[in-house]
Amino acid sequence: MSKYKTIIEAGLKKEMDTIGRDVAVNVAREVNGVEIDDDGKVVSLDRDGKKVLKDLVIKFTEIAGPASPTIIARGISEKGLLHKEELPDSIPVSKV
C-alpha cells in the first residue's frame, strides 16, 4: 500500500469517528482520484496522493467545517505519519 493510501485512511478514520462513518465515507467518495470502500479503506488511488489528500481536506472543510484540517491532522499524527514534506499546506502540522 502506498504511503498516501495509509495517510488518507488515517485522516478519514478520524473524520469517521467525528462525523460518523457513513457521512465521512460519502464525503470522501466525492473526491476525484480515490476509491473508498464502505469501511473507509482506500481501494485505489488514481492520481497524486498529496493532491488527493489536499482535495479531501477541502471537501471535509466544506461539509463538516473549519475544524476538519486539524481533525485529519490528528488522525494522521496518531498513526505516526505526520511528515510535513508529505502533506499539503492545508494540513496544520503545528496544531497537533
PDB file of N, CA and C in Angstrom:
ATOM      1  N   MET A   1       0.856  -1.185   0.000  1.00  0.00           N
ATOM      2  CA  MET A   1       0.000   0.000   0.000  1.00  0.00           C
ATOM      3  C   MET A   1       0.893   1.235   0.000  1.00  0.00           C
ATOM      4  N   SER A   2       0.544   2.205  -0.807  1.00  0.00           N
ATOM      5  CA  SER A   2       1.339   3.433  -0.850  1.00  0.00           C
ATOM      6  C   SER A   2       1.174   4.213   0.452  1.00  0.00           C
ATOM      7  N   LYS A   3       2.172   5.042   0.728  1.00  0.00           N
ATOM      8  CA  LYS A   3       2.098   5.833   1.957  1.00  0.00           C
ATOM      9  C   LYS A   3       0.877   6.741   1.959  1.00  0.00           C
ATOM     10  N   TYR A   4       0.482   7.245   0.787  1.00  0.00           N
ATOM     11  CA  TYR A   4      -0.677   8.142   0.755  1.00  0.00           C
ATOM     12  C   TYR A   4      -1.977   7.404   1.014  1.00  0.00           C
ATOM     13  N   LYS A   5      -2.082   6.151   0.618  1.00  0.00           N
ATOM     14  CA  LYS A   5      -3.280   5.384   0.975  1.00  0.00           C
ATOM     15  C   LYS A   5      -3.391   5.303   2.497  1.00  0.00           C
ATOM     16  N   THR A   6      -2.271   5.019   3.146  1.00  0.00           N
ATOM     17  CA  THR A   6      -2.256   4.908   4.601  1.00  0.00           C
ATOM     18  C   THR A   6      -2.567   6.248   5.261  1.00  0.00           C
ATOM     19  N   ILE A   7      -1.981   7.330   4.743  1.00  0.00           N
ATOM     20  CA  ILE A   7      -2.219   8.674   5.288  1.00  0.00           C
ATOM     21  C   ILE A   7      -3.686   9.072   5.122  1.00  0.00           C
ATOM     22  N   ILE A   8      -4.237   8.838   3.934  1.00  0.00           N
ATOM     23  CA  ILE A   8      -5.636   9.185   3.662  1.00  0.00           C
ATOM     24  C   ILE A   8      -6.565   8.377   4.578  1.00  0.00           C
ATOM     25  N   GLU A   9      -6.300   7.090   4.723  1.00  0.00           N
ATOM     26  CA  GLU A   9      -7.127   6.258   5.599  1.00  0.00           C
ATOM     27  C   GLU A   9      -7.082   6.744   7.044  1.00  0.00           C
ATOM     28  N   ALA A  10      -5.912   7.158   7.509  1.00  0.00           N
ATOM     29  CA  ALA A  10      -5.785   7.639   8.893  1.00  0.00           C
ATOM     30  C   ALA A  10      -6.601   8.908   9.109  1.00  0.00           C
ATOM     31  N   GLY A  11      -6.521   9.841   8.167  1.00  0.00           N
ATOM     32  CA  GLY A  11      -7.311  11.070   8.275  1.00  0.00           C
ATOM     33  C   GLY A  11      -8.796  10.806   8.161  1.00  0.00           C
ATOM     34  N   LEU A  12      -9.164   9.923   7.242  1.00  0.00           N
ATOM     35  CA  LEU A  12     -10.573   9.579   7.056  1.00  0.00           C
ATOM     36  C   LEU A  12     -11.129   8.877   8.292  1.00  0.00           C
ATOM     37  N   LYS A  13     -10.356   8.009   8.895  1.00  0.00           N
ATOM     38  CA  LYS A  13     -10.804   7.316  10.114  1.00  0.00           C
ATOM     39  C   LYS A  13     -11.151   8.314  11.213  1.00  0.00           C
ATOM     40  N   LYS A  14     -10.328   9.338  11.367  1.00  0.00           N
ATOM     41  CA  LYS A  14     -10.591  10.348  12.397  1.00  0.00           C
ATOM     42  C   LYS A  14     -11.881  11.108  12.072  1.00  0.00           C
ATOM     43  N   GLU A  15     -12.098  11.421  10.800  1.00  0.00           N
ATOM     44  CA  GLU A  15     -13.354  12.079  10.415  1.00  0.00           C
ATOM     45  C   GLU A  15     -14.538  11.143  10.645  1.00  0.00           C
ATOM     46  N   MET A  16     -14.361   9.851  10.401  1.00  0.00           N
ATOM     47  CA  MET A  16     -15.434   8.887  10.646  1.00  0.00           C
ATOM     48  C   MET A  16     -15.803   8.871  12.128  1.00  0.00           C
ATOM     49  N   ASP A  17     -14.790   8.950  12.987  1.00  0.00           N
ATOM     50  CA  ASP A  17     -15.041   8.989  14.427  1.00  0.00           C
ATOM     51  C   ASP A  17     -15.760  10.274  14.842  1.00  0.00           C
ATOM     52  N   THR A  18     -15.525  11.344  14.090  1.00  0.00           N
ATOM     53  CA  THR A  18     -16.059  12.662  14.447  1.00  0.00           C
ATOM     54  C   THR A  18     -17.459  12.907  13.891  1.00  0.00           C
ATOM     55  N   ILE A  19     -17.646  12.651  12.597  1.00  0.00           N
ATOM     56  CA  ILE A  19     -18.941  12.985  11.970  1.00  0.00           C
ATOM     57  C   ILE A  19     -19.765  11.762  11.584  1.00  0.00           C
ATOM     58  N   GLY A  20     -19.225  10.580  11.824  1.00  0.00           N
ATOM     59  CA  GLY A  20     -19.946   9.356  11.505  1.00  0.00           C
ATOM     60  C   GLY A  20     -19.395   8.689  10.253  1.00  0.00           C
ATOM     61  N   ARG A  21     -19.398   7.368  10.282  1.00  0.00           N
ATOM     62  CA  ARG A  21     -18.824   6.583   9.186  1.00  0.00           C
ATOM     63  C   ARG A  21     -19.492   6.869   7.854  1.00  0.00           C
ATOM     64  N   ASP A  22     -20.801   6.784   7.797  1.00  0.00           N
ATOM     65  CA  ASP A  22     -21.497   6.932   6.520  1.00  0.00           C
ATOM     66  C   ASP A  22     -21.271   8.311   5.907  1.00  0.00           C
ATOM     67  N   VAL A  23     -21.388   9.348   6.724  1.00  0.00           N
ATOM     68  CA  VAL A  23     -21.195  10.715   6.213  1.00  0.00           C
ATOM     69  C   VAL A  23     -19.756  10.887   5.723  1.00  0.00           C
ATOM     70  N   ALA A  24     -18.788  10.468   6.523  1.00  0.00           N
ATOM     71  CA  ALA A  24     -17.380  10.641   6.159  1.00  0.00           C
ATOM     72  C   ALA A  24     -17.024   9.871   4.887  1.00  0.00           C
ATOM     73  N   VAL A  25     -17.492   8.644   4.780  1.00  0.00           N
ATOM     74  CA  VAL A  25     -17.209   7.851   3.578  1.00  0.00           C
ATOM     75  C   VAL A  25     -17.845   8.500   2.354  1.00  0.00           C
ATOM     76  N   ASN A  26     -19.077   8.963   2.484  1.00  0.00           N
ATOM     77  CA  ASN A  26     -19.735   9.608   1.345  1.00  0.00           C
ATOM     78  C   ASN A  26     -19.021  10.893   0.923  1.00  0.00           C
ATOM     79  N   VAL A  27     -18.545  11.669   1.885  1.00  0.00           N
ATOM     80  CA  VAL A  27     -17.780  12.883   1.562  1.00  0.00           C
ATOM     81  C   VAL A  27     -16.497  12.499   0.836  1.00  0.00           C
ATOM     82  N   ALA A  28     -15.785  11.521   1.350  1.00  0.00           N
ATOM     83  CA  ALA A  28     -14.523  11.096   0.737  1.00  0.00           C
ATOM     84  C   ALA A  28     -14.733  10.578  -0.680  1.00  0.00           C
ATOM     85  N   ARG A  29     -15.839   9.947  -0.916  1.00  0.00           N
ATOM     86  CA  ARG A  29     -16.133   9.414  -2.254  1.00  0.00           C
ATOM     87  C   ARG A  29     -16.382  10.519  -3.281  1.00  0.00           C
ATOM     88  N   GLU A  30     -16.616  11.729  -2.823  1.00  0.00           N
ATOM     89  CA  GLU A  30     -16.795  12.860  -3.742  1.00  0.00           C
ATOM     90  C   GLU A  30     -15.474  13.386  -4.290  1.00  0.00           C
ATOM     91  N   VAL A  31     -14.368  12.948  -3.729  1.00  0.00           N
ATOM     92  CA  VAL A  31     -13.046  13.415  -4.145  1.00  0.00           C
ATOM     93  C   VAL A  31     -12.580  12.597  -5.347  1.00  0.00           C
ATOM     94  N   ASN A  32     -12.189  13.278  -6.400  1.00  0.00           N
ATOM     95  CA  ASN A  32     -11.699  12.613  -7.602  1.00  0.00           C
ATOM     96  C   ASN A  32     -10.344  11.969  -7.357  1.00  0.00           C
ATOM     97  N   GLY A  33     -10.169  10.769  -7.930  1.00  0.00           N
ATOM     98  CA  GLY A  33      -8.877  10.113  -7.894  1.00  0.00           C
ATOM     99  C   GLY A  33      -8.682   9.127  -6.767  1.00  0.00           C
ATOM    100  N   VAL A  34      -9.718   8.907  -5.969  1.00  0.00           N
ATOM    101  CA  VAL A  34      -9.616   7.931  -4.880  1.00  0.00           C
ATOM    102  C   VAL A  34     -10.918   7.153  -4.799  1.00  0.00           C
ATOM    103  N   GLU A  35     -10.798   5.843  -4.588  1.00  0.00           N
ATOM    104  CA  GLU A  35     -11.973   4.998  -4.378  1.00  0.00           C
ATOM    105  C   GLU A  35     -11.923   4.494  -2.941  1.00  0.00           C
ATOM    106  N   ILE A  36     -13.021   4.685  -2.230  1.00  0.00           N
ATOM    107  CA  ILE A  36     -13.132   4.341  -0.818  1.00  0.00           C
ATOM    108  C   ILE A  36     -14.202   3.263  -0.648  1.00  0.00           C
ATOM    109  N   ASP A  37     -13.883   2.205   0.131  1.00  0.00           N
ATOM    110  CA  ASP A  37     -14.904   1.189   0.392  1.00  0.00           C
ATOM    111  C   ASP A  37     -15.781   1.613   1.568  1.00  0.00           C
ATOM    112  N   ASP A  38     -16.762   0.796   1.899  1.00  0.00           N
ATOM    113  CA  ASP A  38     -17.729   1.141   2.937  1.00  0.00           C
ATOM    114  C   ASP A  38     -17.115   1.264   4.331  1.00  0.00           C
ATOM    115  N   ASP A  39     -15.937   0.675   4.527  1.00  0.00           N
ATOM    116  CA  ASP A  39     -15.262   0.733   5.819  1.00  0.00           C
ATOM    117  C   ASP A  39     -14.239   1.857   5.912  1.00  0.00           C
ATOM    118  N   GLY A  40     -14.135   2.673   4.869  1.00  0.00           N
ATOM    119  CA  GLY A  40     -13.188   3.786   4.881  1.00  0.00           C
ATOM    120  C   GLY A  40     -11.793   3.421   4.423  1.00  0.00           C
ATOM    121  N   LYS A  41     -11.640   2.279   3.807  1.00  0.00           N
ATOM    122  CA  LYS A  41     -10.345   1.860   3.269  1.00  0.00           C
ATOM    123  C   LYS A  41     -10.188   2.378   1.850  1.00  0.00           C
ATOM    124  N   VAL A  42      -8.964   2.768   1.514  1.00  0.00           N
ATOM    125  CA  VAL A  42      -8.673   3.215   0.160  1.00  0.00           C
ATOM    126  C   VAL A  42      -8.503   1.981  -0.721  1.00  0.00           C
ATOM    127  N   VAL A  43      -9.390   1.837  -1.704  1.00  0.00           N
ATOM    128  CA  VAL A  43      -9.344   0.714  -2.624  1.00  0.00           C
ATOM    129  C   VAL A  43      -8.361   1.018  -3.747  1.00  0.00           C
ATOM    130  N   SER A  44      -8.404   2.254  -4.248  1.00  0.00           N
ATOM    131  CA  SER A  44      -7.472   2.654  -5.302  1.00  0.00           C
ATOM    132  C   SER A  44      -7.211   4.152  -5.221  1.00  0.00           C
ATOM    133  N   LEU A  45      -6.049   4.506  -5.706  1.00  0.00           N
ATOM    134  CA  LEU A  45      -5.617   5.899  -5.742  1.00  0.00           C
ATOM    135  C   LEU A  45      -5.132   6.138  -7.168  1.00  0.00           C
ATOM    136  N   ASP A  46      -5.878   6.959  -7.918  1.00  0.00           N
ATOM    137  CA  ASP A  46      -5.633   7.095  -9.349  1.00  0.00           C
ATOM    138  C   ASP A  46      -4.898   8.363  -9.748  1.00  0.00           C
ATOM    139  N   ARG A  47      -4.476   9.163  -8.771  1.00  0.00           N
ATOM    140  CA  ARG A  47      -3.677  10.348  -9.066  1.00  0.00           C
ATOM    141  C   ARG A  47      -2.792  10.662  -7.874  1.00  0.00           C
ATOM    142  N   ASP A  48      -2.006  11.696  -7.981  1.00  0.00           N
ATOM    143  CA  ASP A  48      -1.045  12.048  -6.939  1.00  0.00           C
ATOM    144  C   ASP A  48      -1.702  12.077  -5.561  1.00  0.00           C
ATOM    145  N   GLY A  49      -1.164  11.296  -4.634  1.00  0.00           N
ATOM    146  CA  GLY A  49      -1.743  11.175  -3.302  1.00  0.00           C
ATOM    147  C   GLY A  49      -1.791  12.473  -2.529  1.00  0.00           C
ATOM    148  N   LYS A  50      -0.778  13.300  -2.679  1.00  0.00           N
ATOM    149  CA  LYS A  50      -0.751  14.580  -1.964  1.00  0.00           C
ATOM    150  C   LYS A  50      -1.884  15.481  -2.448  1.00  0.00           C
ATOM    151  N   LYS A  51      -2.159  15.455  -3.746  1.00  0.00           N
ATOM    152  CA  LYS A  51      -3.259  16.256  -4.295  1.00  0.00           C
ATOM    153  C   LYS A  51      -4.615  15.703  -3.855  1.00  0.00           C
ATOM    154  N   VAL A  52      -4.735  14.391  -3.811  1.00  0.00           N
ATOM    155  CA  VAL A  52      -5.974  13.785  -3.330  1.00  0.00           C
ATOM    156  C   VAL A  52      -6.207  14.166  -1.871  1.00  0.00           C
ATOM    157  N   LEU A  53      -5.162  14.101  -1.061  1.00  0.00           N
ATOM    158  CA  LEU A  53      -5.281  14.473   0.352  1.00  0.00           C
ATOM    159  C   LEU A  53      -5.690  15.935   0.500  1.00  0.00           C
ATOM    160  N   LYS A  54      -5.108  16.798  -0.302  1.00  0.00           N
ATOM    161  CA  LYS A  54      -5.481  18.222  -0.273  1.00  0.00           C
ATOM    162  C   LYS A  54      -6.957  18.390  -0.611  1.00  0.00           C
ATOM    163  N   ASP A  55      -7.413  17.714  -1.666  1.00  0.00           N
ATOM    164  CA  ASP A  55      -8.822  17.805  -2.063  1.00  0.00           C
ATOM    165  C   ASP A  55      -9.741  17.218  -0.991  1.00  0.00           C
ATOM    166  N   LEU A  56      -9.280  16.169  -0.330  1.00  0.00           N
ATOM    167  CA  LEU A  56     -10.061  15.575   0.751  1.00  0.00           C
ATOM    168  C   LEU A  56     -10.249  16.566   1.899  1.00  0.00           C
ATOM    169  N   VAL A  57      -9.180  17.262   2.259  1.00  0.00           N
ATOM    170  CA  VAL A  57      -9.258  18.272   3.327  1.00  0.00           C
ATOM    171  C   VAL A  57     -10.210  19.393   2.922  1.00  0.00           C
ATOM    172  N   ILE A  58     -10.112  19.845   1.692  1.00  0.00           N
ATOM    173  CA  ILE A  58     -11.001  20.905   1.201  1.00  0.00           C
ATOM    174  C   ILE A  58     -12.459  20.439   1.275  1.00  0.00           C
ATOM    175  N   LYS A  59     -12.719  19.230   0.811  1.00  0.00           N
ATOM    176  CA  LYS A  59     -14.095  18.708   0.794  1.00  0.00           C
ATOM    177  C   LYS A  59     -14.651  18.575   2.217  1.00  0.00           C
ATOM    178  N   PHE A  60     -13.849  18.044   3.141  1.00  0.00           N
ATOM    179  CA  PHE A  60     -14.321  17.917   4.520  1.00  0.00           C
ATOM    180  C   PHE A  60     -14.535  19.286   5.160  1.00  0.00           C
ATOM    181  N   THR A  61     -13.699  20.251   4.833  1.00  0.00           N
ATOM    182  CA  THR A  61     -13.871  21.602   5.366  1.00  0.00           C
ATOM    183  C   THR A  61     -15.182  22.207   4.869  1.00  0.00           C
ATOM    184  N   GLU A  62     -15.511  21.985   3.596  1.00  0.00           N
ATOM    185  CA  GLU A  62     -16.770  22.485   3.032  1.00  0.00           C
ATOM    186  C   GLU A  62     -17.973  21.854   3.721  1.00  0.00           C
ATOM    187  N   ILE A  63     -17.903  20.560   3.978  1.00  0.00           N
ATOM    188  CA  ILE A  63     -19.051  19.817   4.505  1.00  0.00           C
ATOM    189  C   ILE A  63     -19.129  19.865   6.034  1.00  0.00           C
ATOM    190  N   ALA A  64     -18.002  19.664   6.698  1.00  0.00           N
ATOM    191  CA  ALA A  64     -18.009  19.485   8.151  1.00  0.00           C
ATOM    192  C   ALA A  64     -17.470  20.687   8.925  1.00  0.00           C
ATOM    193  N   GLY A  65     -16.884  21.651   8.243  1.00  0.00           N
ATOM    194  CA  GLY A  65     -16.452  22.861   8.921  1.00  0.00           C
ATOM    195  C   GLY A  65     -14.952  23.025   9.053  1.00  0.00           C
ATOM    196  N   PRO A  66     -14.547  24.182   9.581  1.00  0.00           N
ATOM    197  CA  PRO A  66     -13.134  24.557   9.613  1.00  0.00           C
ATOM    198  C   PRO A  66     -12.259  23.745  10.560  1.00  0.00           C
ATOM    199  N   ALA A  67     -12.843  22.938  11.408  1.00  0.00           N
ATOM    200  CA  ALA A  67     -12.028  22.088  12.286  1.00  0.00           C
ATOM    201  C   ALA A  67     -11.501  20.850  11.557  1.00  0.00           C
ATOM    202  N   SER A  68     -12.028  20.575  10.387  1.00  0.00           N
ATOM    203  CA  SER A  68     -11.654  19.353   9.668  1.00  0.00           C
ATOM    204  C   SER A  68     -10.156  19.205   9.401  1.00  0.00           C
ATOM    205  N   PRO A  69      -9.431  20.248   8.963  1.00  0.00           N
ATOM    206  CA  PRO A  69      -7.994  20.047   8.750  1.00  0.00           C
ATOM    207  C   PRO A  69      -7.261  19.590  10.012  1.00  0.00           C
ATOM    208  N   THR A  70      -7.625  20.140  11.150  1.00  0.00           N
ATOM    209  CA  THR A  70      -6.988  19.742  12.411  1.00  0.00           C
ATOM    210  C   THR A  70      -7.392  18.324  12.797  1.00  0.00           C
ATOM    211  N   ILE A  71      -8.638  17.968  12.587  1.00  0.00           N
ATOM    212  CA  ILE A  71      -9.109  16.610  12.880  1.00  0.00           C
ATOM    213  C   ILE A  71      -8.350  15.597  12.031  1.00  0.00           C
ATOM    214  N   ILE A  72      -8.213  15.894  10.744  1.00  0.00           N
ATOM    215  CA  ILE A  72      -7.496  14.998   9.843  1.00  0.00           C
ATOM    216  C   ILE A  72      -6.021  14.921  10.245  1.00  0.00           C
ATOM    217  N   ALA A  73      -5.425  16.054  10.587  1.00  0.00           N
ATOM    218  CA  ALA A  73      -4.022  16.067  11.015  1.00  0.00           C
ATOM    219  C   ALA A  73      -3.822  15.208  12.263  1.00  0.00           C
ATOM    220  N   ARG A  74      -4.752  15.272  13.187  1.00  0.00           N
ATOM    221  CA  ARG A  74      -4.639  14.454  14.407  1.00  0.00           C
ATOM    222  C   ARG A  74      -4.720  12.965  14.083  1.00  0.00           C
ATOM    223  N   GLY A  75      -5.603  12.611  13.167  1.00  0.00           N
ATOM    224  CA  GLY A  75      -5.697  11.213  12.761  1.00  0.00           C
ATOM    225  C   GLY A  75      -4.406  10.715  12.137  1.00  0.00           C
ATOM    226  N   ILE A  76      -3.807  11.549  11.311  1.00  0.00           N
ATOM    227  CA  ILE A  76      -2.539  11.199  10.674  1.00  0.00           C
ATOM    228  C   ILE A  76      -1.433  11.116  11.728  1.00  0.00           C
ATOM    229  N   SER A  77      -1.420  12.071  12.632  1.00  0.00           N
ATOM    230  CA  SER A  77      -0.407  12.117  13.687  1.00  0.00           C
ATOM    231  C   SER A  77      -0.488  10.898  14.607  1.00  0.00           C
ATOM    232  N   GLU A  78      -1.692  10.483  14.946  1.00  0.00           N
ATOM    233  CA  GLU A  78      -1.879   9.337  15.836  1.00  0.00           C
ATOM    234  C   GLU A  78      -1.299   8.055  15.249  1.00  0.00           C
ATOM    235  N   LYS A  79      -1.193   7.994  13.946  1.00  0.00           N
ATOM    236  CA  LYS A  79      -0.615   6.825  13.274  1.00  0.00           C
ATOM    237  C   LYS A  79       0.882   6.997  13.034  1.00  0.00           C
ATOM    238  N   GLY A  80       1.426   8.118  13.500  1.00  0.00           N
ATOM    239  CA  GLY A  80       2.852   8.369  13.315  1.00  0.00           C
ATOM    240  C   GLY A  80       3.230   8.707  11.886  1.00  0.00           C
ATOM    241  N   LEU A  81       2.304   9.272  11.146  1.00  0.00           N
ATOM    242  CA  LEU A  81       2.503   9.518   9.720  1.00  0.00           C
ATOM    243  C   LEU A  81       2.647  10.990   9.368  1.00  0.00           C
ATOM    244  N   LEU A  82       2.785  11.844  10.360  1.00  0.00           N
ATOM    245  CA  LEU A  82       2.764  13.283  10.126  1.00  0.00           C
ATOM    246  C   LEU A  82       4.166  13.786   9.764  1.00  0.00           C
ATOM    247  N   HIS A  83       4.453  13.828   8.477  1.00  0.00           N
ATOM    248  CA  HIS A  83       5.733  14.317   7.966  1.00  0.00           C
ATOM    249  C   HIS A  83       5.430  15.497   7.050  1.00  0.00           C
ATOM    250  N   LYS A  84       5.795  16.686   7.469  1.00  0.00           N
ATOM    251  CA  LYS A  84       5.419  17.931   6.802  1.00  0.00           C
ATOM    252  C   LYS A  84       5.648  17.894   5.293  1.00  0.00           C
ATOM    253  N   GLU A  85       6.774  17.350   4.870  1.00  0.00           N
ATOM    254  CA  GLU A  85       7.095  17.362   3.436  1.00  0.00           C
ATOM    255  C   GLU A  85       6.146  16.505   2.605  1.00  0.00           C
ATOM    256  N   GLU A  86       5.416  15.603   3.225  1.00  0.00           N
ATOM    257  CA  GLU A  86       4.489  14.728   2.509  1.00  0.00           C
ATOM    258  C   GLU A  86       3.061  15.249   2.511  1.00  0.00           C
ATOM    259  N   LEU A  87       2.805  16.322   3.254  1.00  0.00           N
ATOM    260  CA  LEU A  87       1.441  16.788   3.441  1.00  0.00           C
ATOM    261  C   LEU A  87       1.191  18.105   2.728  1.00  0.00           C
ATOM    262  N   PRO A  88      -0.036  18.311   2.259  1.00  0.00           N
ATOM    263  CA  PRO A  88      -0.374  19.612   1.671  1.00  0.00           C
ATOM    264  C   PRO A  88      -0.395  20.699   2.738  1.00  0.00           C
ATOM    265  N   ASP A  89      -0.257  21.936   2.314  1.00  0.00           N
ATOM    266  CA  ASP A  89      -0.246  23.064   3.247  1.00  0.00           C
ATOM    267  C   ASP A  89      -1.540  23.173   4.058  1.00  0.00           C
ATOM    268  N   SER A  90      -2.621  22.586   3.575  1.00  0.00           N
ATOM    269  CA  SER A  90      -3.902  22.669   4.274  1.00  0.00           C
ATOM    270  C   SER A  90      -3.959  21.805   5.537  1.00  0.00           C
ATOM    271  N   ILE A  91      -2.955  20.959   5.764  1.00  0.00           N
ATOM    272  CA  ILE A  91      -2.880  20.150   6.985  1.00  0.00           C
ATOM    273  C   ILE A  91      -2.042  20.937   7.998  1.00  0.00           C
ATOM    274  N   PRO A  92      -2.651  21.372   9.094  1.00  0.00           N
ATOM    275  CA  PRO A  92      -1.948  22.212  10.082  1.00  0.00           C
ATOM    276  C   PRO A  92      -1.064  21.398  11.021  1.00  0.00           C
ATOM    277  N   VAL A  93       0.131  21.060  10.557  1.00  0.00           N
ATOM    278  CA  VAL A  93       1.047  20.225  11.334  1.00  0.00           C
ATOM    279  C   VAL A  93       1.342  20.836  12.699  1.00  0.00           C
ATOM    280  N   SER A  94       1.415  22.142  12.788  1.00  0.00           N
ATOM    281  CA  SER A  94       1.775  22.792  14.041  1.00  0.00           C
ATOM    282  C   SER A  94       0.696  22.703  15.115  1.00  0.00           C
ATOM    283  N   LYS A  95      -0.520  22.312  14.752  1.00  0.00           N
ATOM    284  CA  LYS A  95      -1.627  22.264  15.728  1.00  0.00           C
ATOM    285  C   LYS A  95      -1.813  20.906  16.376  1.00  0.00           C
ATOM    286  N   VAL A  96      -0.981  19.936  16.033  1.00  0.00           N
ATOM    287  CA  VAL A  96      -1.139  18.597  16.634  1.00  0.00           C
ATOM    288  C   VAL A  96       0.066  18.241  17.473  1.00  0.00           C
TER     289      VAL A  96
END
